[in-house]
Amino acid sequence: MNTEKATARRLTAEEVSELGLQDEIFVPAIMEELSLGCYAPATLTKSGKNFEGGSFTARTIFGEEVHILPDNAEEPGIWVADEAGEEIEVLQSAGVLLNLALFVPNGNKESLESLYTAAREAFGAGIVQRWSEEIVAVPDVKVDLFEEPARGRKGTSGQNRDRRALDIYPTRVRFMEASAGWKFVLELHQEHVDETPTI
């Protein structure tokens, strides 16, 4: 775990209430409900004046939300950089986690190896310790994707549906989510025919 020392001052609840969304603060570093015993750079989730009850919520640069009572002496509190303050340990970033779905036209194992090699050359060998990927062949067939109510009555016509996407590969559907209370319906792609009367 990499940390670096920073000079900061602890804020009171009144001082926190004067902060805006752009103000950089330090809050207790927590990951997966585990306290790391240091601080993380963060910002408030809404301006301080809009909080009620003395409890504030901040989002760290690592995506964790932390709830804090600044005036509670038993809690680490909220801090702001101040050269006249005291020294605290601040958790540093180790990089970014990229959760990425790629479609590689005519892709195969060799093309993926080329992709990984290029990434390592661009960012260094430490970019990956282990690649976690799912290699799926994409069938040369396209579908139209619709949404229908999840609890539709039997015998109802197909008019009670919304067009979600036309002309996509079936494997892409796995990366999409249906609207609440709706389900996906896949059909083989039909070329759209414009039946608008012409003069």
C-alpha atoms as a PDB file:
ATOM      1  CA  MET A   1       0.000   0.000   0.000  1.00  0.00           C
ATOM      2  CA  ASN A   2       1.573   3.286  -1.106  1.00  0.00           C
ATOM      3  CA  THR A   3       0.976   6.433   0.914  1.00  0.00           C
ATOM      4  CA  GLU A   4       2.601   9.832   1.008  1.00  0.00           C
ATOM      5  CA  LYS A   5       2.681  12.401   3.759  1.00  0.00           C
ATOM      6  CA  ALA A   6       0.606  15.564   3.407  1.00  0.00           C
ATOM      7  CA  THR A   7       0.193  18.574   5.677  1.00  0.00           C
ATOM      8  CA  ALA A   8      -3.458  19.197   6.464  1.00  0.00           C
ATOM      9  CA  ARG A   9      -5.892  20.685   8.964  1.00  0.00           C
ATOM     10  CA  ARG A  10      -9.021  19.038  10.350  1.00  0.00           C
ATOM     11  CA  LEU A  11     -12.268  20.889   9.599  1.00  0.00           C
ATOM     12  CA  THR A  12     -15.238  21.465  11.871  1.00  0.00           C
ATOM     13  CA  ALA A  13     -18.780  20.709  10.666  1.00  0.00           C
ATOM     14  CA  GLU A  14     -19.321  24.462  10.214  1.00  0.00           C
ATOM     15  CA  GLU A  15     -16.253  24.727   7.970  1.00  0.00           C
ATOM     16  CA  VAL A  16     -17.304  21.663   5.944  1.00  0.00           C
ATOM     17  CA  SER A  17     -20.726  23.237   5.376  1.00  0.00           C
ATOM     18  CA  GLU A  18     -18.972  26.063   3.496  1.00  0.00           C
ATOM     19  CA  LEU A  19     -17.288  23.690   1.002  1.00  0.00           C
ATOM     20  CA  GLY A  20     -18.435  23.185  -2.579  1.00  0.00           C
ATOM     21  CA  LEU A  21     -18.254  20.261  -4.985  1.00  0.00           C
ATOM     22  CA  GLN A  22     -14.881  21.351  -6.377  1.00  0.00           C
ATOM     23  CA  ASP A  23     -13.066  21.623  -3.046  1.00  0.00           C
ATOM     24  CA  GLU A  24     -10.486  18.894  -2.502  1.00  0.00           C
ATOM     25  CA  ILE A  25     -10.541  17.229   0.897  1.00  0.00           C
ATOM     26  CA  PHE A  26      -9.094  14.179   2.640  1.00  0.00           C
ATOM     27  CA  VAL A  27     -11.372  11.574   4.224  1.00  0.00           C
ATOM     28  CA  PRO A  28     -10.719   8.168   5.836  1.00  0.00           C
ATOM     29  CA  ALA A  29      -9.581   5.650   3.208  1.00  0.00           C
ATOM     30  CA  ILE A  30     -12.038   2.747   3.058  1.00  0.00           C
ATOM     31  CA  MET A  31     -12.102  -0.100   0.541  1.00  0.00           C
ATOM     32  CA  GLU A  32     -14.826  -2.750   0.508  1.00  0.00           C
ATOM     33  CA  GLU A  33     -15.883  -1.692   4.039  1.00  0.00           C
ATOM     34  CA  LEU A  34     -12.263  -2.131   5.205  1.00  0.00           C
ATOM     35  CA  SER A  35     -10.646   0.857   6.909  1.00  0.00           C
ATOM     36  CA  LEU A  36      -7.070   1.345   5.698  1.00  0.00           C
ATOM     37  CA  GLY A  37      -5.936   3.557   8.548  1.00  0.00           C
ATOM     38  CA  CYS A  38      -5.012   6.539   6.365  1.00  0.00           C
ATOM     39  CA  TYR A  39      -6.743   9.176   4.248  1.00  0.00           C
ATOM     40  CA  ALA A  40      -7.854   9.390   0.614  1.00  0.00           C
ATOM     41  CA  PRO A  41      -8.351  12.442  -1.637  1.00  0.00           C
ATOM     42  CA  ALA A  42     -12.067  13.124  -2.067  1.00  0.00           C
ATOM     43  CA  THR A  43     -14.816  15.651  -2.769  1.00  0.00           C
ATOM     44  CA  LEU A  44     -18.261  16.107  -1.244  1.00  0.00           C
ATOM     45  CA  THR A  45     -21.158  14.438  -3.073  1.00  0.00           C
ATOM     46  CA  LYS A  46     -23.148  17.687  -2.772  1.00  0.00           C
ATOM     47  CA  SER A  47     -22.251  21.149  -1.518  1.00  0.00           C
ATOM     48  CA  GLY A  48     -21.803  21.387   2.234  1.00  0.00           C
ATOM     49  CA  LYS A  49     -24.700  23.798   2.761  1.00  0.00           C
ATOM     50  CA  ASN A  50     -27.134  21.184   1.401  1.00  0.00           C
ATOM     51  CA  PHE A  51     -26.326  18.571   4.065  1.00  0.00           C
ATOM     52  CA  GLU A  52     -28.467  18.231   7.170  1.00  0.00           C
ATOM     53  CA  GLY A  53     -27.858  16.716  10.575  1.00  0.00           C
ATOM     54  CA  GLY A  54     -24.093  17.260  10.734  1.00  0.00           C
ATOM     55  CA  SER A  55     -23.279  14.125   8.702  1.00  0.00           C
ATOM     56  CA  PHE A  56     -21.497  14.577   5.380  1.00  0.00           C
ATOM     57  CA  THR A  57     -20.943  12.182   2.477  1.00  0.00           C
ATOM     58  CA  ALA A  58     -17.780  12.329   0.385  1.00  0.00           C
ATOM     59  CA  ARG A  59     -16.674  10.295  -2.637  1.00  0.00           C
ATOM     60  CA  THR A  60     -13.004   9.355  -2.801  1.00  0.00           C
ATOM     61  CA  ILE A  61     -11.034   9.280  -6.048  1.00  0.00           C
ATOM     62  CA  PHE A  62     -11.297   5.489  -5.768  1.00  0.00           C
ATOM     63  CA  GLY A  63     -15.112   5.582  -6.050  1.00  0.00           C
ATOM     64  CA  GLU A  64     -15.914   4.782  -2.412  1.00  0.00           C
ATOM     65  CA  GLU A  65     -18.546   6.819  -0.552  1.00  0.00           C
ATOM     66  CA  VAL A  66     -17.679   7.694   3.048  1.00  0.00           C
ATOM     67  CA  HIS A  67     -20.121   9.073   5.649  1.00  0.00           C
ATOM     68  CA  ILE A  68     -18.513  11.289   8.275  1.00  0.00           C
ATOM     69  CA  LEU A  69     -19.468  13.292  11.358  1.00  0.00           C
ATOM     70  CA  PRO A  70     -16.659  15.904  11.398  1.00  0.00           C
ATOM     71  CA  ASP A  71     -17.255  17.019  14.992  1.00  0.00           C
ATOM     72  CA  ASN A  72     -17.149  13.464  16.370  1.00  0.00           C
ATOM     73  CA  ALA A  73     -13.784  13.174  18.163  1.00  0.00           C
ATOM     74  CA  GLU A  74     -13.891   9.372  17.800  1.00  0.00           C
ATOM     75  CA  GLU A  75     -13.889   9.603  13.976  1.00  0.00           C
ATOM     76  CA  PRO A  76     -10.925  10.599  11.767  1.00  0.00           C
ATOM     77  CA  GLY A  77     -12.876  13.561  10.388  1.00  0.00           C
ATOM     78  CA  ILE A  78     -12.502  15.627   7.224  1.00  0.00           C
ATOM     79  CA  TRP A  79      -9.223  17.362   6.418  1.00  0.00           C
ATOM     80  CA  VAL A  80      -8.062  20.009   3.954  1.00  0.00           C
ATOM     81  CA  ALA A  81      -4.523  20.789   2.779  1.00  0.00           C
ATOM     82  CA  ASP A  82      -2.897  23.445   4.950  1.00  0.00           C
ATOM     83  CA  GLU A  83       0.863  24.081   5.268  1.00  0.00           C
ATOM     84  CA  ALA A  84       0.352  25.187   8.881  1.00  0.00           C
ATOM     85  CA  GLY A  85      -1.447  21.940   9.760  1.00  0.00           C
ATOM     86  CA  GLU A  86      -0.223  18.538  10.847  1.00  0.00           C
ATOM     87  CA  GLU A  87       1.101  15.571   8.898  1.00  0.00           C
ATOM     88  CA  ILE A  88      -1.286  12.841   7.699  1.00  0.00           C
ATOM     89  CA  GLU A  89      -0.807   9.749   5.525  1.00  0.00           C
ATOM     90  CA  VAL A  90      -2.629   9.934   2.163  1.00  0.00           C
ATOM     91  CA  LEU A  91      -3.290   6.838   0.057  1.00  0.00           C
ATOM     92  CA  GLN A  92      -1.898   7.096  -3.475  1.00  0.00           C
ATOM     93  CA  SER A  93      -3.316   5.740  -6.701  1.00  0.00           C
ATOM     94  CA  ALA A  94      -1.622   2.689  -8.221  1.00  0.00           C
ATOM     95  CA  GLY A  95      -3.208   3.216 -11.649  1.00  0.00           C
ATOM     96  CA  VAL A  96      -6.612   2.731 -13.172  1.00  0.00           C
ATOM     97  CA  LEU A  97      -8.638  -0.416 -13.682  1.00  0.00           C
ATOM     98  CA  LEU A  98     -10.052  -0.517 -17.181  1.00  0.00           C
ATOM     99  CA  ASN A  99     -13.096  -2.724 -17.561  1.00  0.00           C
ATOM    100  CA  LEU A 100     -13.378  -2.821 -21.313  1.00  0.00           C
ATOM    101  CA  ALA A 101     -15.400  -4.680 -23.917  1.00  0.00           C
ATOM    102  CA  LEU A 102     -13.760  -4.729 -27.350  1.00  0.00           C
ATOM    103  CA  PHE A 103     -15.037  -5.979 -30.674  1.00  0.00           C
ATOM    104  CA  VAL A 104     -12.126  -6.855 -32.952  1.00  0.00           C
ATOM    105  CA  PRO A 105     -13.278  -7.318 -36.580  1.00  0.00           C
ATOM    106  CA  ASN A 106     -11.929 -10.603 -37.973  1.00  0.00           C
ATOM    107  CA  GLY A 107     -10.135 -11.008 -34.645  1.00  0.00           C
ATOM    108  CA  ASN A 108      -8.208 -14.092 -33.600  1.00  0.00           C
ATOM    109  CA  LYS A 109      -5.631 -15.067 -30.988  1.00  0.00           C
ATOM    110  CA  GLU A 110      -2.786 -13.436 -32.949  1.00  0.00           C
ATOM    111  CA  SER A 111      -4.570 -10.087 -33.195  1.00  0.00           C
ATOM    112  CA  LEU A 112      -5.268 -10.130 -29.449  1.00  0.00           C
ATOM    113  CA  GLU A 113      -1.602 -10.827 -28.700  1.00  0.00           C
ATOM    114  CA  SER A 114      -0.700  -7.822 -30.874  1.00  0.00           C
ATOM    115  CA  LEU A 115      -3.147  -5.696 -28.881  1.00  0.00           C
ATOM    116  CA  TYR A 116      -1.685  -6.788 -25.532  1.00  0.00           C
ATOM    117  CA  THR A 117       1.892  -6.259 -26.754  1.00  0.00           C
ATOM    118  CA  ALA A 118       1.063  -2.723 -27.919  1.00  0.00           C
ATOM    119  CA  ALA A 119      -0.542  -1.942 -24.535  1.00  0.00           C
ATOM    120  CA  ARG A 120       2.509  -3.183 -22.647  1.00  0.00           C
ATOM    121  CA  GLU A 121       4.837  -1.150 -24.876  1.00  0.00           C
ATOM    122  CA  ALA A 122       2.747   1.975 -24.345  1.00  0.00           C
ATOM    123  CA  PHE A 123       2.329   1.703 -20.562  1.00  0.00           C
ATOM    124  CA  GLY A 124       5.111  -0.633 -19.425  1.00  0.00           C
ATOM    125  CA  ALA A 125       5.188  -4.275 -18.480  1.00  0.00           C
ATOM    126  CA  GLY A 126       3.341  -3.553 -15.222  1.00  0.00           C
ATOM    127  CA  ILE A 127       0.127  -2.749 -17.086  1.00  0.00           C
ATOM    128  CA  VAL A 128      -1.052  -6.335 -16.543  1.00  0.00           C
ATOM    129  CA  GLN A 129      -0.071  -9.135 -14.271  1.00  0.00           C
ATOM    130  CA  ARG A 130      -2.838 -11.306 -15.654  1.00  0.00           C
ATOM    131  CA  TRP A 131      -5.263 -10.606 -18.470  1.00  0.00           C
ATOM    132  CA  SER A 132      -8.800 -11.641 -17.672  1.00  0.00           C
ATOM    133  CA  GLU A 133     -10.666 -11.968 -20.904  1.00  0.00           C
ATOM    134  CA  GLU A 134     -13.418 -13.923 -22.508  1.00  0.00           C
ATOM    135  CA  ILE A 135     -12.766 -14.714 -26.136  1.00  0.00           C
ATOM    136  CA  VAL A 136     -16.002 -15.293 -27.978  1.00  0.00           C
ATOM    137  CA  ALA A 137     -16.385 -15.801 -31.696  1.00  0.00           C
ATOM    138  CA  VAL A 138     -18.963 -13.390 -33.075  1.00  0.00           C
ATOM    139  CA  PRO A 139     -21.382 -15.114 -35.467  1.00  0.00           C
ATOM    140  CA  ASP A 140     -21.788 -13.440 -38.821  1.00  0.00           C
ATOM    141  CA  VAL A 141     -25.442 -12.777 -38.134  1.00  0.00           C
ATOM    142  CA  LYS A 142     -27.131  -9.669 -36.857  1.00  0.00           C
ATOM    143  CA  VAL A 143     -30.255  -9.218 -34.789  1.00  0.00           C
ATOM    144  CA  ASP A 144     -32.801  -6.568 -33.962  1.00  0.00           C
ATOM    145  CA  LEU A 145     -33.305  -5.937 -30.261  1.00  0.00           C
ATOM    146  CA  PHE A 146     -36.667  -4.966 -28.779  1.00  0.00           C
ATOM    147  CA  GLU A 147     -38.000  -4.494 -25.266  1.00  0.00           C
ATOM    148  CA  GLU A 148     -41.370  -5.818 -24.094  1.00  0.00           C
ATOM    149  CA  PRO A 149     -43.074  -5.647 -20.697  1.00  0.00           C
ATOM    150  CA  ALA A 150     -41.778  -8.541 -18.587  1.00  0.00           C
ATOM    151  CA  ARG A 151     -45.316  -9.568 -17.592  1.00  0.00           C
ATOM    152  CA  GLY A 152     -47.123  -9.213 -20.876  1.00  0.00           C
ATOM    153  CA  ARG A 153     -50.516 -10.914 -21.339  1.00  0.00           C
ATOM    154  CA  LYS A 154     -50.667 -13.957 -23.561  1.00  0.00           C
ATOM    155  CA  GLY A 155     -51.942 -13.347 -27.053  1.00  0.00           C
ATOM    156  CA  THR A 156     -51.052  -9.666 -27.072  1.00  0.00           C
ATOM    157  CA  SER A 157     -49.737  -8.275 -30.326  1.00  0.00           C
ATOM    158  CA  GLY A 158     -46.129  -7.215 -30.764  1.00  0.00           C
ATOM    159  CA  GLN A 159     -47.133  -3.552 -30.866  1.00  0.00           C
ATOM    160  CA  ASN A 160     -46.507  -3.113 -27.135  1.00  0.00           C
ATOM    161  CA  ARG A 161     -42.764  -3.006 -27.574  1.00  0.00           C
ATOM    162  CA  ASP A 162     -39.955  -0.523 -27.920  1.00  0.00           C
ATOM    163  CA  ARG A 163     -37.182  -0.738 -30.485  1.00  0.00           C
ATOM    164  CA  ARG A 164     -33.877  -0.745 -28.593  1.00  0.00           C
ATOM    165  CA  ALA A 165     -31.309  -1.422 -31.298  1.00  0.00           C
ATOM    166  CA  LEU A 166     -31.231  -2.572 -34.895  1.00  0.00           C
ATOM    167  CA  ASP A 167     -28.559  -4.456 -36.736  1.00  0.00           C
ATOM    168  CA  ILE A 168     -26.270  -5.506 -33.864  1.00  0.00           C
ATOM    169  CA  TYR A 169     -24.329  -8.647 -33.077  1.00  0.00           C
ATOM    170  CA  PRO A 170     -25.957 -10.951 -30.484  1.00  0.00           C
ATOM    171  CA  THR A 171     -22.828 -10.905 -28.313  1.00  0.00           C
ATOM    172  CA  ARG A 172     -23.276  -7.160 -27.778  1.00  0.00           C
ATOM    173  CA  VAL A 173     -26.622  -7.743 -26.105  1.00  0.00           C
ATOM    174  CA  ARG A 174     -24.870  -9.264 -23.103  1.00  0.00           C
ATOM    175  CA  PHE A 175     -23.365  -5.855 -22.324  1.00  0.00           C
ATOM    176  CA  MET A 176     -26.754  -4.117 -22.290  1.00  0.00           C
ATOM    177  CA  GLU A 177     -29.378  -3.981 -19.555  1.00  0.00           C
ATOM    178  CA  ALA A 178     -33.131  -4.031 -20.088  1.00  0.00           C
ATOM    179  CA  SER A 179     -35.230  -1.192 -18.677  1.00  0.00           C
ATOM    180  CA  ALA A 180     -36.880  -1.829 -15.309  1.00  0.00           C
ATOM    181  CA  GLY A 181     -39.913  -4.098 -15.744  1.00  0.00           C
ATOM    182  CA  TRP A 182     -39.038  -4.912 -19.364  1.00  0.00           C
ATOM    183  CA  LYS A 183     -37.313  -7.851 -21.046  1.00  0.00           C
ATOM    184  CA  PHE A 184     -35.299  -8.182 -24.231  1.00  0.00           C
ATOM    185  CA  VAL A 185     -36.638  -9.864 -27.352  1.00  0.00           C
ATOM    186  CA  LEU A 186     -34.206 -10.817 -30.115  1.00  0.00           C
ATOM    187  CA  GLU A 187     -35.239 -11.263 -33.725  1.00  0.00           C
ATOM    188  CA  LEU A 188     -33.182 -11.900 -36.843  1.00  0.00           C
ATOM    189  CA  HIS A 189     -32.377  -8.584 -38.459  1.00  0.00           C
ATOM    190  CA  GLN A 190     -34.831  -7.469 -41.109  1.00  0.00           C
ATOM    191  CA  GLU A 191     -33.749  -4.796 -43.545  1.00  0.00           C
ATOM    192  CA  HIS A 192     -35.886  -1.712 -43.066  1.00  0.00           C
ATOM    193  CA  VAL A 193     -38.094  -1.005 -46.061  1.00  0.00           C
ATOM    194  CA  ASP A 194     -39.286   2.570 -46.425  1.00  0.00           C
ATOM    195  CA  GLU A 195     -42.922   2.367 -47.469  1.00  0.00           C
ATOM    196  CA  THR A 196     -43.445   6.118 -47.552  1.00  0.00           C
ATOM    197  CA  PRO A 197     -45.500   6.929 -50.694  1.00  0.00           C
ATOM    198  CA  THR A 198     -43.599   8.865 -53.315  1.00  0.00           C
ATOM    199  CA  ILE A 199     -44.997  11.196 -55.916  1.00  0.00           C
END
